[in-house]
């Protein structure tokens, strides 16, 4: 019996999980351009008419190149999301009794142990974990897949599409990995996978899939692809980093064996990820981190390792990070319908608005009608992607991402028909911190860039990229400590 499970029942009544506590979440209206008012000063929206989506921390005000100040428009949710108000409150509450977990009899350690294991249960509910599935806390999705790669039985064949994020593409043993080309349609993806499975001669095969592309936001037909894999006796690992914040994930419904995602993609930016799935491979594998917590017994000539999640969670875990993930999972699970409605509206406006701008090219894997999250990759004719990103930030207070988004093979394939000097794209990714005003500001700024170029002259500075020639912004900000 674990320490957490031995805590009296009265403890549970007196010390509820910090993410179940009701937290007043301020909802603010978009700030009108030029109003001179920060997001925190904006009038509250009527809660009866506002969409019931979880609130993120207030958007900061950021400087523009000419000395102005504007509310930050965050279109970089695909990289990292801002924290939910409820997540911050849960972490603040848990910090009051923060202590190392599992091996302490002190009250603070007992409380932290209870929170940590309850967080594991919350994550399990969030992804529909089945009886016997394990929830292992890691650092992020990359860490989760590297852990799983270490746990594969010898000579396991891995099949993965070239479309994947590097976290999903690279951890596997190269000589036993089959990379499938970028598919043209969902049916094409099924055919490619089916053919690869027929050619696999290994006694164990793992198919690795993404739930949604981190480049284009398009949802993959996971349930259909998983059925193909199961039909040939293969297991399936799902990269849900770009999916769980937008759509519900259920391991049993999707037919997958493992799922991984990161807290920083679901409004819990405290450095924790998870790997959830079947226990047998994990319990037979050597511990991912050899050390305290993973050991059952250490003798002079031998070591006996624990089974279960502790086997791969050696050392003191990121307790507050796990609590943050649990708080985000609980909030998203409660408000899933409202989140999907909010993001569907954002997606329709973003995609339609960008496609309507002359000189802007948007990209997709499966075609323009593919279902997607509020993520769009695009280029602006005649303007390098790094300059587009810099101008949106310096002139309009808009944060986007440019480059190849840790998915080089996919971006190269998407840009294959572009001019030879077009090697990167711009990605906008919206979410719960995105307002209608942010979307209209972005579309107006991109349209102006496409039609007229940048609003001021730029130069390239080593280590900083493109910056306005007459940049009046401070290059440094005060450290938070």
Protein backbone atom coordinates (compact mmCIF):
# COMPACT_ATOMS: atom_id res chain seq x y z
CA UNK A 1 0.00 0.00 0.00
CA UNK A 2 1.37 3.44 -0.90
CA UNK A 3 1.73 6.20 1.65
CA UNK A 4 -0.83 8.25 -0.24
CA UNK A 5 -3.45 5.50 -0.08
CA UNK A 6 -2.91 5.02 3.66
CA UNK A 7 -3.91 8.60 4.51
CA UNK A 8 -7.16 8.65 6.54
CA UNK A 9 -10.37 9.41 4.71
CA UNK A 10 -10.78 12.64 6.69
CA UNK A 11 -7.66 13.92 4.93
CA UNK A 12 -9.44 13.73 1.58
CA UNK A 13 -12.36 15.75 2.94
CA UNK A 14 -10.16 18.36 4.57
CA UNK A 15 -7.53 18.60 1.82
CA UNK A 16 -9.20 18.37 -1.52
CA UNK A 17 -7.10 18.21 -4.66
CA UNK A 18 -6.04 21.80 -5.35
CA UNK A 19 -7.47 21.74 -8.88
CA UNK A 20 -10.97 20.87 -7.60
CA UNK A 21 -11.18 24.05 -5.58
CA UNK A 22 -13.41 26.72 -7.08
CA UNK A 23 -11.21 29.56 -8.31
CA UNK A 24 -12.68 32.89 -9.43
CA UNK A 25 -11.47 33.34 -12.99
CA UNK A 26 -11.51 36.90 -14.29
CA UNK A 27 -12.85 37.15 -17.83
CA UNK A 28 -11.84 40.27 -19.67
CA UNK A 29 -12.98 41.74 -22.92
CA UNK A 30 -10.59 42.44 -25.80
CA UNK A 31 -8.82 45.77 -25.50
CA UNK A 32 -9.63 48.21 -28.25
CA UNK A 33 -6.57 49.38 -30.19
CA UNK A 34 -5.39 52.72 -28.88
CA UNK A 35 -7.54 52.55 -25.76
CA UNK A 36 -4.45 52.78 -23.55
CA UNK A 37 -5.95 50.14 -21.27
CA UNK A 38 -4.25 46.89 -20.36
CA UNK A 39 -6.02 43.54 -20.39
CA UNK A 40 -6.17 43.57 -16.60
CA UNK A 41 -7.99 46.92 -16.70
CA UNK A 42 -10.51 45.92 -19.34
CA UNK A 43 -14.13 45.67 -18.19
CA UNK A 44 -15.38 42.22 -17.28
CA UNK A 45 -17.55 40.41 -19.79
CA UNK A 46 -21.01 39.32 -18.61
CA UNK A 47 -20.51 35.68 -17.55
CA UNK A 48 -23.98 34.80 -18.77
CA UNK A 49 -23.09 35.71 -22.35
CA UNK A 50 -19.37 34.92 -22.44
CA UNK A 51 -18.35 31.46 -23.67
CA UNK A 52 -17.66 29.17 -20.72
CA UNK A 53 -14.02 28.56 -21.54
CA UNK A 54 -11.32 28.39 -18.87
CA UNK A 55 -9.57 31.72 -18.37
CA UNK A 56 -5.86 32.14 -19.01
CA UNK A 57 -3.69 34.61 -17.17
CA UNK A 58 -4.11 38.17 -18.48
CA UNK A 59 -2.22 38.94 -21.66
CA UNK A 60 0.74 41.24 -21.09
CA UNK A 61 1.21 44.55 -22.83
CA UNK A 62 4.23 44.59 -25.14
CA UNK A 63 6.20 47.41 -26.80
CA UNK A 64 6.16 48.14 -30.52
CA UNK A 65 9.16 49.38 -32.47
CA UNK A 66 8.08 53.05 -32.40
CA UNK A 67 7.52 53.33 -28.65
CA UNK A 68 3.88 52.27 -28.56
CA UNK A 69 2.33 49.64 -26.30
CA UNK A 70 -0.28 47.06 -27.26
CA UNK A 71 -1.89 43.98 -25.73
CA UNK A 72 0.03 40.88 -26.76
CA UNK A 73 -1.76 38.73 -29.35
CA UNK A 74 -0.53 35.19 -28.73
CA UNK A 75 -0.57 33.10 -31.90
CA UNK A 76 2.10 30.71 -30.67
CA UNK A 77 -0.06 28.29 -28.68
CA UNK A 78 1.36 25.42 -30.75
CA UNK A 79 4.75 25.96 -29.11
CA UNK A 80 3.64 26.71 -25.53
CA UNK A 81 0.35 27.84 -24.06
CA UNK A 82 -0.13 30.46 -21.35
CA UNK A 83 -1.16 29.21 -17.94
CA UNK A 84 -4.79 28.83 -16.96
CA UNK A 85 -5.89 30.90 -13.96
CA UNK A 86 -7.06 27.70 -12.28
CA UNK A 87 -3.67 26.05 -12.90
CA UNK A 88 -1.81 28.94 -11.28
CA UNK A 89 -4.21 28.78 -8.30
CA UNK A 90 -3.71 25.03 -7.92
CA UNK A 91 0.07 25.38 -7.97
CA UNK A 92 -0.08 28.27 -5.49
CA UNK A 93 -2.18 26.17 -3.12
CA UNK A 94 0.05 23.13 -3.43
CA UNK A 95 3.16 25.24 -2.90
CA UNK A 96 2.05 25.93 0.67
CA UNK A 97 2.59 22.26 1.57
CA UNK A 98 5.17 21.42 -1.08
CA UNK A 99 7.53 18.60 -0.09
CA UNK A 100 9.18 15.50 -1.52
CA UNK A 101 6.76 12.64 -2.10
CA UNK A 102 6.28 8.99 -1.12
CA UNK A 103 8.97 8.47 1.51
CA UNK A 104 8.22 11.09 4.14
CA UNK A 105 6.01 10.82 7.22
CA UNK A 106 5.79 14.57 7.72
CA UNK A 107 2.43 16.19 7.08
CA UNK A 108 3.68 18.24 4.11
CA UNK A 109 5.12 15.13 2.49
CA UNK A 110 1.86 13.26 3.08
CA UNK A 111 -0.12 16.07 1.48
CA UNK A 112 2.22 16.32 -1.50
CA UNK A 113 2.14 12.54 -1.97
CA UNK A 114 -1.65 12.60 -1.99
CA UNK A 115 -1.71 15.42 -4.54
CA UNK A 116 0.87 13.70 -6.75
CA UNK A 117 -0.96 10.38 -6.94
CA UNK A 118 -4.32 12.12 -7.36
CA UNK A 119 -2.76 13.99 -10.29
CA UNK A 120 -1.91 10.62 -11.84
CA UNK A 121 -5.56 9.57 -11.48
CA UNK A 122 -6.75 12.84 -13.05
CA UNK A 123 -4.51 12.33 -16.08
CA UNK A 124 -5.76 8.75 -16.40
CA UNK A 125 -9.37 9.98 -16.52
CA UNK A 126 -8.44 12.67 -19.03
CA UNK A 127 -7.19 10.18 -21.63
CA UNK A 128 -9.53 7.31 -20.79
CA UNK A 129 -6.83 5.05 -19.40
CA UNK A 130 -7.86 1.42 -19.06
CA UNK A 131 -7.40 -0.94 -16.14
CA UNK A 132 -3.76 -1.92 -16.07
CA UNK A 133 -2.52 1.16 -17.92
CA UNK A 134 0.26 3.13 -16.26
CA UNK A 135 0.61 6.89 -16.02
CA UNK A 136 4.27 7.91 -15.95
CA UNK A 137 5.21 11.54 -15.40
CA UNK A 138 8.05 12.77 -17.62
CA UNK A 139 9.50 16.12 -18.64
CA UNK A 140 7.61 16.52 -21.93
CA UNK A 141 6.43 14.60 -25.01
CA UNK A 142 9.99 14.18 -26.28
CA UNK A 143 10.97 12.63 -22.97
CA UNK A 144 7.93 10.35 -23.05
CA UNK A 145 8.78 8.90 -26.44
CA UNK A 146 12.43 8.48 -25.54
CA UNK A 147 11.28 6.53 -22.48
CA UNK A 148 9.03 4.35 -24.63
CA UNK A 149 11.84 3.80 -27.14
CA UNK A 150 14.02 2.45 -24.30
CA UNK A 151 11.20 0.12 -23.25
CA UNK A 152 10.61 -1.57 -26.60
CA UNK A 153 11.33 -5.31 -26.75
CA UNK A 154 14.44 -6.20 -28.71
CA UNK A 155 14.08 -6.11 -32.49
CA UNK A 156 10.79 -4.19 -32.36
CA UNK A 157 9.99 -2.69 -35.76
CA UNK A 158 8.79 0.93 -35.61
CA UNK A 159 6.67 2.49 -38.34
CA UNK A 160 6.28 6.28 -38.40
CA UNK A 161 5.22 8.86 -40.98
CA UNK A 162 7.72 11.47 -42.21
CA UNK A 163 5.15 14.11 -41.27
CA UNK A 164 5.90 13.78 -37.57
CA UNK A 165 7.40 16.23 -35.11
CA UNK A 166 10.99 15.32 -34.29
CA UNK A 167 9.89 14.18 -30.82
CA UNK A 168 7.89 11.44 -32.52
CA UNK A 169 10.21 10.84 -35.47
CA UNK A 170 13.67 10.54 -33.96
CA UNK A 171 13.77 8.48 -30.71
CA UNK A 172 13.60 5.08 -32.39
CA UNK A 173 16.50 2.85 -33.42
CA UNK A 174 17.19 3.95 -36.97
CA UNK A 175 17.92 0.54 -38.48
CA UNK A 176 14.61 -0.81 -37.19
CA UNK A 177 12.48 2.18 -38.18
CA UNK A 178 10.43 2.52 -41.35
CA UNK A 179 9.57 6.10 -42.30
CA UNK A 180 6.52 6.39 -44.51
CA UNK A 181 6.25 9.31 -46.98
CA UNK A 182 3.87 12.23 -46.57
CA UNK A 183 0.42 10.90 -47.55
CA UNK A 184 -1.88 12.74 -49.95
CA UNK A 185 -5.14 11.73 -48.28
CA UNK A 186 -6.33 9.82 -45.23
CA UNK A 187 -6.95 6.78 -47.42
CA UNK A 188 -3.44 7.11 -48.78
CA UNK A 189 -2.12 7.08 -45.20
CA UNK A 190 -4.03 3.87 -44.50
CA UNK A 191 -2.69 2.25 -47.68
CA UNK A 192 0.91 3.24 -46.87
CA UNK A 193 0.59 1.88 -43.35
CA UNK A 194 -1.08 -1.34 -44.48
CA UNK A 195 1.70 -2.00 -47.00
CA UNK A 196 4.44 -1.32 -44.43
CA UNK A 197 2.82 -3.68 -41.93
CA UNK A 198 2.65 -6.43 -44.53
CA UNK A 199 6.39 -6.09 -45.06
CA UNK A 200 7.26 -6.13 -41.35
CA UNK A 201 8.81 -9.43 -40.25
CA UNK A 202 9.40 -8.55 -36.60
CA UNK A 203 7.59 -10.34 -33.79
CA UNK A 204 6.69 -6.94 -32.31
CA UNK A 205 5.76 -3.79 -34.22
CA UNK A 206 4.97 -0.30 -32.99
CA UNK A 207 3.12 2.21 -35.15
CA UNK A 208 3.68 5.81 -34.07
CA UNK A 209 1.03 8.38 -35.02
CA UNK A 210 0.27 12.04 -34.39
CA UNK A 211 -3.21 13.12 -33.41
CA UNK A 212 -2.79 16.51 -35.09
CA UNK A 213 -0.02 18.05 -37.15
CA UNK A 214 1.98 20.69 -35.32
CA UNK A 215 2.62 22.39 -38.69
CA UNK A 216 -0.83 22.53 -40.29
CA UNK A 217 -3.10 21.67 -37.36
CA UNK A 218 -4.84 18.93 -39.38
CA UNK A 219 -6.33 16.02 -37.46
CA UNK A 220 -5.21 12.55 -38.41
CA UNK A 221 -7.64 9.63 -38.76
CA UNK A 222 -6.17 7.94 -35.70
CA UNK A 223 -9.01 5.51 -35.10
CA UNK A 224 -8.87 4.22 -38.67
CA UNK A 225 -5.07 3.95 -38.73
CA UNK A 226 -5.04 2.22 -35.35
CA UNK A 227 -7.52 -0.33 -36.64
CA UNK A 228 -5.18 -1.09 -39.53
CA UNK A 229 -2.31 -1.55 -37.11
CA UNK A 230 -4.27 -3.78 -34.74
CA UNK A 231 -5.38 -5.91 -37.66
CA UNK A 232 -1.73 -6.86 -38.16
CA UNK A 233 -1.01 -7.34 -34.44
CA UNK A 234 0.91 -4.08 -34.05
CA UNK A 235 0.75 -1.70 -31.12
CA UNK A 236 0.09 2.03 -31.54
CA UNK A 237 1.65 5.01 -29.77
CA UNK A 238 -0.12 8.36 -30.16
CA UNK A 239 1.57 11.75 -30.01
CA UNK A 240 -1.29 13.80 -28.59
CA UNK A 241 0.71 16.95 -27.79
CA UNK A 242 -1.17 18.96 -30.42
CA UNK A 243 -4.47 17.12 -29.90
CA UNK A 244 -5.53 16.90 -26.24
CA UNK A 245 -5.96 20.65 -25.85
CA UNK A 246 -8.41 20.72 -28.75
CA UNK A 247 -10.19 17.35 -28.91
CA UNK A 248 -11.02 14.56 -26.47
CA UNK A 249 -8.64 11.61 -26.36
CA UNK A 250 -9.77 8.16 -25.21
CA UNK A 251 -7.29 5.30 -25.55
CA UNK A 252 -9.94 2.61 -25.82
CA UNK A 253 -12.11 4.46 -28.34
CA UNK A 254 -9.12 5.34 -30.53
CA UNK A 255 -7.67 1.86 -30.17
CA UNK A 256 -4.17 2.99 -29.19
CA UNK A 257 -1.82 1.43 -26.67
CA UNK A 258 0.16 4.49 -25.55
CA UNK A 259 -0.42 8.23 -25.52
CA UNK A 260 2.02 11.03 -24.74
CA UNK A 261 1.55 14.77 -24.30
CA UNK A 262 3.06 17.80 -22.55
CA UNK A 263 1.71 20.11 -19.90
CA UNK A 264 3.04 23.17 -21.68
CA UNK A 265 0.70 22.45 -24.61
CA UNK A 266 -2.42 22.37 -22.39
CA UNK A 267 -2.01 25.56 -20.34
CA UNK A 268 0.17 24.02 -17.61
CA UNK A 269 3.64 25.44 -18.34
CA UNK A 270 5.51 23.87 -15.44
CA UNK A 271 7.78 21.36 -17.13
CA UNK A 272 5.87 18.07 -17.01
CA UNK A 273 4.77 15.55 -19.61
CA UNK A 274 3.06 12.17 -19.42
CA UNK A 275 3.25 8.74 -20.97
CA UNK A 276 0.13 6.62 -20.48
CA UNK A 277 -0.32 3.07 -21.66
CA UNK A 278 0.14 -0.65 -21.34
CA UNK A 279 2.28 -1.80 -18.45
CA UNK A 280 3.97 -4.93 -19.77
CA UNK A 281 6.70 -3.33 -21.90
CA UNK A 282 7.28 -0.62 -19.32
CA UNK A 283 7.56 -3.03 -16.39
CA UNK A 284 10.03 -5.29 -18.21
CA UNK A 285 12.29 -2.48 -19.38
CA UNK A 286 15.30 -1.21 -17.50
CA UNK A 287 14.48 1.90 -15.45
CA UNK A 288 14.62 5.08 -17.50
CA UNK A 289 16.31 6.91 -14.60
CA UNK A 290 18.30 4.68 -12.26
CA UNK A 291 18.17 6.06 -8.74
CA UNK A 292 16.15 6.59 -5.61
CA UNK A 293 12.43 5.98 -5.88
CA UNK A 294 12.84 3.43 -8.67
CA UNK A 295 14.40 0.83 -6.39
CA UNK A 296 12.64 -1.86 -4.37
CA UNK A 297 15.86 -3.16 -2.80
CA UNK A 298 19.58 -2.54 -3.24
CA UNK A 299 21.97 -5.30 -2.12
CA UNK A 300 25.77 -5.39 -2.36
CA UNK A 301 25.70 -7.35 -5.61
CA UNK A 302 22.20 -6.75 -7.01
CA UNK A 303 19.39 -4.26 -7.39
CA UNK A 304 15.69 -5.03 -7.50
CA UNK A 305 13.64 -2.42 -9.33
CA UNK A 306 10.04 -1.49 -8.72
CA UNK A 307 7.31 -2.06 -11.26
CA UNK A 308 4.67 0.49 -12.10
CA UNK A 309 5.23 4.22 -12.75
CA UNK A 310 7.86 4.51 -10.00
CA UNK A 311 10.19 2.30 -12.06
CA UNK A 312 10.71 5.16 -14.52
CA UNK A 313 10.36 8.14 -12.18
CA UNK A 314 13.68 7.92 -10.38
CA UNK A 315 14.68 10.86 -8.22
CA UNK A 316 12.44 13.56 -6.80
CA UNK A 317 9.66 14.19 -9.35
CA UNK A 318 8.27 17.51 -10.49
CA UNK A 319 5.38 17.45 -8.03
CA UNK A 320 4.10 20.95 -8.81
CA UNK A 321 4.32 20.22 -12.53
CA UNK A 322 2.19 17.09 -12.11
CA UNK A 323 -0.37 19.08 -10.13
CA UNK A 324 -0.41 21.73 -12.86
CA UNK A 325 -1.07 19.09 -15.53
CA UNK A 326 -3.88 17.61 -13.46
CA UNK A 327 -5.46 21.04 -12.95
CA UNK A 328 -5.34 21.71 -16.70
CA UNK A 329 -6.79 18.28 -17.51
CA UNK A 330 -9.67 18.86 -15.07
CA UNK A 331 -10.45 22.31 -16.52
CA UNK A 332 -10.32 21.14 -20.13
CA UNK A 333 -12.40 18.05 -19.38
CA UNK A 334 -15.07 20.18 -17.70
CA UNK A 335 -15.23 22.77 -20.49
CA UNK A 336 -14.49 20.58 -23.51
CA UNK A 337 -17.61 21.54 -25.46
CA UNK A 338 -17.14 25.28 -25.00
CA UNK A 339 -13.45 25.00 -25.92
CA UNK A 340 -14.25 23.20 -29.16
CA UNK A 341 -16.90 25.77 -30.09
CA UNK A 342 -14.54 28.66 -29.35
CA UNK A 343 -11.73 27.13 -31.38
CA UNK A 344 -13.95 26.17 -34.30
CA UNK A 345 -14.93 29.83 -34.69
CA UNK A 346 -11.29 30.91 -34.49
CA UNK A 347 -10.24 28.27 -37.01
CA UNK A 348 -12.85 29.21 -39.58
CA UNK A 349 -11.93 32.89 -39.40
CA UNK A 350 -8.18 32.29 -39.43
CA UNK A 351 -8.17 29.84 -42.31
CA UNK A 352 -10.71 31.72 -44.40
CA UNK A 353 -9.13 35.09 -43.68
CA UNK A 354 -5.59 34.06 -44.57
CA UNK A 355 -6.66 32.24 -47.74
CA UNK A 356 -8.47 35.38 -48.91
CA UNK A 357 -5.32 37.54 -48.79
CA UNK A 358 -3.62 37.94 -52.16
CA UNK A 359 0.01 36.88 -52.00
CA UNK A 360 -0.51 34.52 -49.06
CA UNK A 361 -0.12 30.78 -49.55
CA UNK A 362 -1.48 28.38 -46.91
CA UNK A 363 -0.47 24.72 -46.65
CA UNK A 364 -2.13 21.42 -45.81
CA UNK A 365 -1.37 17.71 -45.91
CA UNK A 366 -4.83 16.34 -46.69
CA UNK A 367 -6.38 19.24 -48.62
CA UNK A 368 -8.15 22.51 -47.93
CA UNK A 369 -11.25 20.84 -46.47
CA UNK A 370 -9.37 18.83 -43.85
CA UNK A 371 -10.60 19.15 -40.27
CA UNK A 372 -8.03 20.99 -38.17
CA UNK A 373 -7.18 22.75 -34.95
CA UNK A 374 -6.73 26.57 -35.05
CA UNK A 375 -3.28 26.23 -36.62
CA UNK A 376 -2.24 27.51 -40.05
CA UNK A 377 1.12 27.46 -41.82
CA UNK A 378 1.61 30.06 -44.56
CA UNK A 379 4.06 32.15 -46.55
CA UNK A 380 3.84 35.72 -47.82
CA UNK A 381 5.05 36.24 -51.36
CA UNK A 382 8.24 38.29 -51.49
CA UNK A 383 8.69 38.50 -47.71
CA UNK A 384 10.96 35.96 -45.95
CA UNK A 385 9.19 34.09 -43.17
CA UNK A 386 11.59 35.32 -40.44
CA UNK A 387 10.89 38.89 -41.52
CA UNK A 388 7.13 38.28 -41.46
CA UNK A 389 7.45 37.00 -37.90
CA UNK A 390 9.63 39.94 -36.83
CA UNK A 391 7.35 42.54 -38.41
CA UNK A 392 4.21 41.09 -36.84
CA UNK A 393 5.90 41.32 -33.46
CA UNK A 394 7.60 44.69 -33.78
CA UNK A 395 4.78 46.54 -35.52
CA UNK A 396 1.66 44.84 -34.19
CA UNK A 397 2.48 43.04 -30.93
CA UNK A 398 1.64 39.67 -32.48
CA UNK A 399 3.57 36.52 -31.57
CA UNK A 400 3.87 33.80 -34.22
CA UNK A 401 6.45 31.15 -35.08
CA UNK A 402 8.60 30.87 -38.21
CA UNK A 403 10.89 28.11 -39.42
CA UNK A 404 10.35 24.38 -39.84
CA UNK A 405 8.69 23.78 -36.44
CA UNK A 406 10.77 20.69 -35.54
CA UNK A 407 9.13 18.92 -38.48
CA UNK A 408 11.73 19.43 -41.20
CA UNK A 409 10.69 16.56 -43.45
CA UNK A 410 7.07 17.70 -43.56
CA UNK A 411 7.84 21.38 -44.12
CA UNK A 412 10.29 20.50 -46.91
CA UNK A 413 7.57 18.42 -48.58
CA UNK A 414 4.94 21.15 -48.21
CA UNK A 415 7.27 23.79 -49.68
CA UNK A 416 8.58 21.59 -52.49
CA UNK A 417 6.60 23.46 -55.14
CA UNK A 418 7.59 26.92 -53.88
CA UNK A 419 10.51 29.00 -55.12
CA UNK A 420 13.90 27.61 -54.23
CA UNK A 421 14.57 30.44 -51.78
CA UNK A 422 11.40 29.68 -49.79
CA UNK A 423 12.60 27.16 -47.23
CA UNK A 424 10.58 28.08 -44.14
CA UNK A 425 7.03 29.10 -43.29
CA UNK A 426 5.10 31.10 -40.70
CA UNK A 427 2.79 29.32 -38.29
CA UNK A 428 -0.10 30.89 -36.41
CA UNK A 429 -1.63 28.78 -33.65
CA UNK A 430 -4.54 30.07 -31.59
CA UNK A 431 -6.17 28.88 -28.40
CA UNK A 432 -7.88 29.96 -25.23
CA UNK A 433 -5.89 33.20 -24.94
CA UNK A 434 -6.90 34.25 -28.45
CA UNK A 435 -9.65 36.86 -28.85
CA UNK A 436 -11.58 37.97 -31.90
CA UNK A 437 -9.66 41.25 -31.82
CA UNK A 438 -6.39 39.31 -31.97
CA UNK A 439 -7.57 37.44 -35.06
CA UNK A 440 -8.66 40.61 -36.87
CA UNK A 441 -5.41 42.34 -35.94
CA UNK A 442 -3.42 39.43 -37.34
CA UNK A 443 -5.38 39.28 -40.59
CA UNK A 444 -5.06 43.03 -41.08
CA UNK A 445 -1.34 42.95 -40.40
CA UNK A 446 -0.71 40.06 -42.81
CA UNK A 447 -2.80 41.73 -45.50
CA UNK A 448 -0.78 44.92 -45.10
CA UNK A 449 2.49 42.99 -45.29
CA UNK A 450 1.39 41.16 -48.43
CA UNK A 451 0.24 44.35 -50.14
CA UNK A 452 2.76 46.94 -48.95
CA UNK A 453 5.66 45.19 -47.27
CA UNK A 454 6.89 46.06 -43.80
CA UNK A 455 5.91 49.30 -42.14
CA UNK A 456 9.50 50.27 -41.40
CA UNK A 457 13.01 49.36 -42.52
CA UNK A 458 14.62 46.22 -41.03
CA UNK A 459 18.16 44.93 -40.64
CA UNK A 460 19.55 41.56 -39.66
CA UNK A 461 21.37 41.41 -36.33
CA UNK A 462 23.39 38.38 -35.30
CA UNK A 463 21.63 36.47 -32.58
CA UNK A 464 18.38 38.43 -32.95
CA UNK A 465 17.39 38.03 -36.60
CA UNK A 466 15.40 40.83 -38.25
CA UNK A 467 14.96 44.00 -36.17
CA UNK A 468 13.67 47.46 -37.11
CA UNK A 469 16.45 49.89 -37.99
CA UNK A 470 14.97 52.47 -35.61
CA UNK A 471 13.87 49.97 -32.97
CA UNK A 472 12.90 51.84 -29.78
CA UNK A 473 12.12 48.70 -27.76
CA UNK A 474 14.32 47.71 -24.88
CA UNK A 475 16.33 44.62 -25.73
CA UNK A 476 16.19 43.32 -22.15
CA UNK A 477 13.47 43.12 -19.52
CA UNK A 478 13.74 42.90 -15.76
CA UNK A 479 14.41 39.41 -14.49
CA UNK A 480 11.42 37.99 -12.56
CA UNK A 481 13.56 37.33 -9.52
